[in-house]
Every structure is written in C-alpha cells, then in structure tokens.
N, C-alpha and C. Protein backbone atom coordinates (compact mmCIF):
# COMPACT_ATOMS: atom_id res chain seq x y z
N MET A 1 32.31 -0.72 15.44
CA MET A 1 33.57 0.35 14.93
C MET A 1 33.22 -1.03 13.35
N LEU A 2 33.81 -2.24 13.79
CA LEU A 2 34.68 -3.10 12.84
C LEU A 2 33.07 -3.32 11.55
N ASN A 3 31.66 -3.58 12.41
CA ASN A 3 30.50 -3.75 11.97
C ASN A 3 30.12 -2.62 10.74
N LEU A 4 31.11 -1.61 11.30
CA LEU A 4 30.43 -0.14 10.00
C LEU A 4 31.27 -0.15 9.03
N LEU A 5 32.36 -0.35 9.76
CA LEU A 5 33.26 -0.88 8.51
C LEU A 5 33.48 -1.88 7.27
N LEU A 6 32.47 -3.38 7.51
CA LEU A 6 32.32 -4.35 6.85
C LEU A 6 30.72 -4.23 6.57
N ALA A 7 30.15 -3.15 7.13
CA ALA A 7 28.58 -3.12 6.41
C ALA A 7 28.39 -3.18 4.70
N PRO A 8 29.02 -2.78 4.26
CA PRO A 8 29.59 -2.35 2.84
C PRO A 8 29.60 -3.80 2.16
N LEU A 9 29.79 -4.41 3.16
CA LEU A 9 29.93 -6.13 2.39
C LEU A 9 28.93 -7.17 3.28
N THR A 10 28.70 -7.09 3.98
CA THR A 10 27.81 -7.51 4.93
C THR A 10 26.01 -6.72 4.27
N ALA A 11 25.82 -5.94 4.21
CA ALA A 11 24.86 -5.67 3.92
C ALA A 11 23.36 -5.99 3.34
N PRO A 12 24.45 -5.90 1.63
CA PRO A 12 23.40 -7.19 1.00
C PRO A 12 23.26 -8.34 1.58
N LEU A 13 24.61 -9.49 1.74
CA LEU A 13 24.10 -10.52 2.50
C LEU A 13 22.79 -10.12 3.39
N ASP A 14 22.83 -9.80 4.53
CA ASP A 14 21.82 -9.24 5.05
C ASP A 14 20.21 -8.87 4.44
N GLY A 15 20.63 -8.87 3.72
CA GLY A 15 19.55 -8.26 3.14
C GLY A 15 19.17 -9.17 2.81
N ILE A 16 19.98 -10.21 2.35
CA ILE A 16 18.83 -11.91 1.92
C ILE A 16 18.79 -12.20 2.30
N VAL A 17 19.39 -12.46 3.79
CA VAL A 17 18.34 -13.39 5.28
C VAL A 17 17.78 -13.08 5.26
N TRP A 18 17.54 -11.01 5.70
CA TRP A 18 15.97 -10.81 5.73
C TRP A 18 14.21 -11.79 4.64
N ILE A 19 14.89 -11.22 3.69
CA ILE A 19 14.06 -11.44 2.75
C ILE A 19 13.48 -13.31 2.50
N ALA A 20 15.06 -13.65 2.70
CA ALA A 20 14.58 -15.39 3.26
C ALA A 20 13.43 -15.42 4.12
N GLN A 21 13.79 -14.72 5.34
CA GLN A 21 13.18 -14.96 7.16
C GLN A 21 11.33 -14.86 5.93
N GLN A 22 11.06 -13.85 5.92
CA GLN A 22 10.61 -13.46 5.42
C GLN A 22 9.25 -14.30 4.37
N ILE A 23 10.11 -14.67 3.25
CA ILE A 23 9.57 -16.11 3.02
C ILE A 23 9.23 -17.06 3.49
N GLN A 24 10.15 -17.37 4.33
CA GLN A 24 10.06 -18.26 4.92
C GLN A 24 8.36 -18.20 6.44
N GLU A 25 8.87 -17.13 6.62
CA GLU A 25 7.44 -17.24 7.73
C GLU A 25 6.21 -16.47 6.83
N ARG A 26 5.81 -16.06 5.93
CA ARG A 26 4.42 -16.26 4.87
C ARG A 26 4.62 -17.81 4.46
N ALA A 27 5.08 -18.64 3.69
CA ALA A 27 4.79 -19.86 3.77
C ALA A 27 4.51 -20.64 4.71
N GLU A 28 5.17 -20.04 5.83
CA GLU A 28 4.58 -20.76 7.26
C GLU A 28 3.19 -20.78 7.20
N ALA A 29 2.91 -19.47 7.46
CA ALA A 29 1.62 -19.39 7.78
C ALA A 29 0.47 -19.47 6.98
N GLU A 30 0.95 -19.49 5.35
CA GLU A 30 -0.17 -20.07 5.15
C GLU A 30 -0.20 -21.34 4.82
N LEU A 31 0.85 -21.84 4.86
CA LEU A 31 0.68 -23.66 5.15
C LEU A 31 -0.17 -24.41 6.90
N ASP A 32 0.36 -22.83 7.68
CA ASP A 32 -0.66 -23.12 8.73
C ASP A 32 -2.32 -22.68 8.72
N ASN A 33 -2.39 -21.73 7.97
CA ASN A 33 -3.58 -21.79 7.38
C ASN A 33 -4.69 -23.43 7.05
N ALA A 34 -3.74 -23.25 5.59
CA ALA A 34 -4.31 -24.78 4.73
C ALA A 34 -4.93 -26.23 5.93
N GLU A 35 -3.15 -25.89 6.50
CA GLU A 35 -3.20 -27.55 7.32
C GLU A 35 -4.95 -26.41 8.56
N ASN A 36 -5.07 -25.33 9.50
CA ASN A 36 -6.02 -25.69 10.00
C ASN A 36 -7.33 -25.97 9.34
N LEU A 37 -7.06 -25.39 8.16
CA LEU A 37 -8.60 -25.33 7.70
C LEU A 37 -9.10 -27.17 7.64
N HIS A 38 -8.02 -28.03 7.18
CA HIS A 38 -7.98 -29.01 7.23
C HIS A 38 -8.28 -29.49 8.24
N LYS A 39 -7.86 -29.30 9.05
CA LYS A 39 -8.06 -30.27 11.01
C LYS A 39 -9.60 -29.71 11.15
N ARG A 40 -10.05 -28.46 10.38
CA ARG A 40 -11.73 -28.22 11.35
C ARG A 40 -12.76 -28.81 10.03
N LEU A 41 -12.20 -28.99 9.21
CA LEU A 41 -12.76 -29.93 8.39
C LEU A 41 -13.33 -31.57 8.72
N LEU A 42 -12.03 -31.56 9.00
CA LEU A 42 -12.08 -33.34 9.82
C LEU A 42 -12.85 -33.55 10.84
N ALA A 43 -12.47 -32.37 12.07
CA ALA A 43 -13.61 -31.93 12.97
C ALA A 43 -14.75 -32.03 12.74
N LEU A 44 -15.21 -31.76 11.74
CA LEU A 44 -16.59 -31.32 11.48
C LEU A 44 -17.59 -32.71 11.00
N GLN A 45 -16.34 -33.15 10.45
CA GLN A 45 -16.83 -34.87 9.77
C GLN A 45 -17.44 -35.40 10.91
N LEU A 46 -16.15 -35.55 12.17
CA LEU A 46 -16.33 -36.65 13.13
C LEU A 46 -17.38 -36.01 13.79
N ALA A 47 -17.67 -34.63 14.63
CA ALA A 47 -18.52 -34.32 15.19
C ALA A 47 -20.45 -34.75 14.35
N VAL A 48 -19.92 -34.98 12.63
CA VAL A 48 -21.40 -35.62 12.59
C VAL A 48 -21.49 -36.78 12.25
N ASP A 49 -20.07 -37.67 12.03
CA ASP A 49 -20.23 -38.55 12.43
C ASP A 49 -20.90 -39.35 14.40
N MET A 50 -20.34 -38.80 14.73
CA MET A 50 -20.83 -38.48 16.25
C MET A 50 -22.51 -38.48 16.51
N GLY A 51 -22.43 -37.40 15.72
CA GLY A 51 -24.46 -37.09 16.06
C GLY A 51 -24.29 -35.62 16.48
N GLU A 52 -23.20 -35.50 16.69
CA GLU A 52 -23.44 -33.74 17.32
C GLU A 52 -24.07 -32.58 17.20
N ILE A 53 -23.78 -32.94 15.40
CA ILE A 53 -24.88 -31.92 14.68
C ILE A 53 -25.12 -32.91 13.83
N SER A 54 -26.49 -31.95 13.34
CA SER A 54 -26.60 -32.31 12.12
C SER A 54 -26.26 -32.76 10.54
N GLU A 55 -27.19 -33.10 10.43
CA GLU A 55 -26.54 -33.11 8.50
C GLU A 55 -26.45 -32.23 8.13
N GLU A 56 -27.64 -31.03 8.04
CA GLU A 56 -27.39 -30.14 6.95
C GLU A 56 -26.30 -28.67 8.17
N GLU A 57 -26.40 -28.89 9.51
CA GLU A 57 -25.95 -27.71 9.48
C GLU A 57 -24.11 -28.30 9.03
N PHE A 58 -23.70 -29.86 8.74
CA PHE A 58 -22.60 -29.80 8.47
C PHE A 58 -22.28 -29.66 7.06
N GLU A 59 -23.49 -29.75 6.31
CA GLU A 59 -23.88 -29.22 4.47
C GLU A 59 -22.62 -28.01 4.74
N ALA A 60 -23.76 -27.21 5.78
CA ALA A 60 -23.34 -26.15 5.90
C ALA A 60 -21.97 -25.21 6.31
N GLN A 61 -21.54 -25.76 7.10
CA GLN A 61 -20.13 -25.73 7.51
C GLN A 61 -18.72 -26.51 7.00
N GLU A 62 -19.33 -27.32 6.04
CA GLU A 62 -18.29 -27.89 5.14
C GLU A 62 -18.45 -26.90 4.27
N GLU A 63 -19.64 -26.36 3.37
CA GLU A 63 -19.19 -26.02 2.60
C GLU A 63 -18.67 -23.94 2.60
N MET A 64 -18.94 -23.30 3.79
CA MET A 64 -17.98 -23.07 4.16
C MET A 64 -16.39 -22.46 4.12
N LEU A 65 -15.89 -24.12 4.52
CA LEU A 65 -14.56 -24.58 4.70
C LEU A 65 -13.85 -25.21 3.53
N LEU A 66 -14.74 -25.67 2.67
CA LEU A 66 -13.77 -26.34 1.31
C LEU A 66 -13.97 -25.09 0.28
N LEU A 67 -14.94 -23.57 0.45
CA LEU A 67 -14.80 -22.54 -0.10
C LEU A 67 -13.79 -21.64 0.69
N ALA A 68 -13.42 -22.07 1.90
CA ALA A 68 -11.98 -20.79 2.58
C ALA A 68 -11.11 -22.11 1.85
N ILE A 69 -11.23 -22.58 2.15
CA ILE A 69 -9.50 -23.65 1.17
C ILE A 69 -9.09 -23.62 0.02
N GLN A 70 -10.61 -23.42 -1.29
CA GLN A 70 -10.49 -23.24 -2.66
C GLN A 70 -9.97 -21.90 -2.34
N GLU A 71 -10.49 -20.70 -1.86
CA GLU A 71 -10.03 -19.38 -1.92
C GLU A 71 -8.26 -19.35 -1.70
N LEU A 72 -8.24 -20.19 -0.50
CA LEU A 72 -6.74 -20.23 -0.26
C LEU A 72 -5.73 -20.38 -1.07
N GLU A 73 -6.05 -21.94 -1.66
CA GLU A 73 -5.12 -22.59 -2.70
C GLU A 73 -5.25 -20.97 -4.36
N GLU A 74 -6.37 -20.88 -4.28
CA GLU A 74 -6.41 -19.98 -5.47
C GLU A 74 -5.06 -18.58 -4.87
N GLN A 75 -5.44 -18.32 -3.92
CA GLN A 75 -4.25 -16.86 -3.57
C GLN A 75 -2.94 -17.58 -3.89
N GLN A 76 -2.12 -18.72 -3.02
CA GLN A 76 -1.39 -19.16 -3.77
C GLN A 76 -1.41 -19.64 -4.91
N ARG A 77 -2.13 -19.61 -5.64
CA ARG A 77 -1.47 -20.71 -6.92
C ARG A 77 -0.95 -19.03 -7.46
N GLN A 78 -1.68 -17.74 -6.76
CA GLN A 78 -1.77 -16.25 -8.02
C GLN A 78 -0.50 -16.22 -7.16
N ALA A 79 0.24 -15.81 -6.07
CA ALA A 79 1.26 -15.46 -5.00
C ALA A 79 2.24 -15.98 -6.14
N ALA A 80 2.13 -17.83 -6.27
CA ALA A 80 3.69 -18.41 -7.12
C ALA A 80 3.55 -18.11 -8.31
N GLU A 81 2.04 -17.56 -9.05
CA GLU A 81 2.40 -16.71 -10.66
C GLU A 81 2.98 -15.69 -11.08
N ASN A 82 2.90 -14.50 -9.68
CA ASN A 82 3.51 -13.36 -9.06
C ASN A 82 4.43 -13.52 -9.32
N ASP A 83 5.37 -14.35 -8.59
CA ASP A 83 6.35 -14.76 -7.98
C ASP A 83 7.24 -14.72 -9.27
N ASP A 84 6.99 -15.70 -9.87
CA ASP A 84 7.55 -16.41 -11.61
C ASP A 84 7.24 -15.43 -12.16
N GLY A 85 6.68 -14.84 -12.16
CA GLY A 85 6.52 -13.05 -13.65
C GLY A 85 7.34 -12.31 -13.33
N GLN A 86 8.33 -12.45 -12.10
CA GLN A 86 9.29 -10.78 -11.27
C GLN A 86 10.11 -11.24 -11.58
N TYR A 87 10.41 -12.71 -12.84
CA TYR A 87 11.98 -12.96 -12.95
C TYR A 87 12.48 -12.52 -14.45
C-alpha cells in the first residue's frame, strides 16, 4: 500500500535507475566485444608465432578481426555522436 502511495514520487527515480542500468549493460557488452576481439587477435598472433597456422591463414584471419574491431569502433563512435545530439 505504501509503495502505491509513494509511486508518484519514486517512479521517476526508478525510471532513471533503470535507464542507467541499461546504459551500463550496453557499455559492458560493447567493452566485452572489443576485449574479446583483441584477445582473439592476440591468440592468432601466438598461433602463427608457434607455427600452428600458416602466415597466409594468419593474414586472412587477422584482416577479418581487424575489420570487426574497426566496425565496432565505428559503431561506438556513431552511438556516441547520436547520444551527444540528443541533448
């Protein structure tokens, strides 16, 4: 009953908390994606250094990973620009 009476006062705060949680989850997911791509690139470098894969295979996979990193950074830049433009 008390929650119902206080809802007009607490609802805006609850909404702000929810939005902050969504932003944090999105940022963590994007960071995880970038971190995972960099880890895969490092693992790929180690594999070629240890002779587990050929130089040609390394170059092909490296290019794919670098493009994925570049695309992710571009998406993050565009999202930041969109967020700046909303104010």
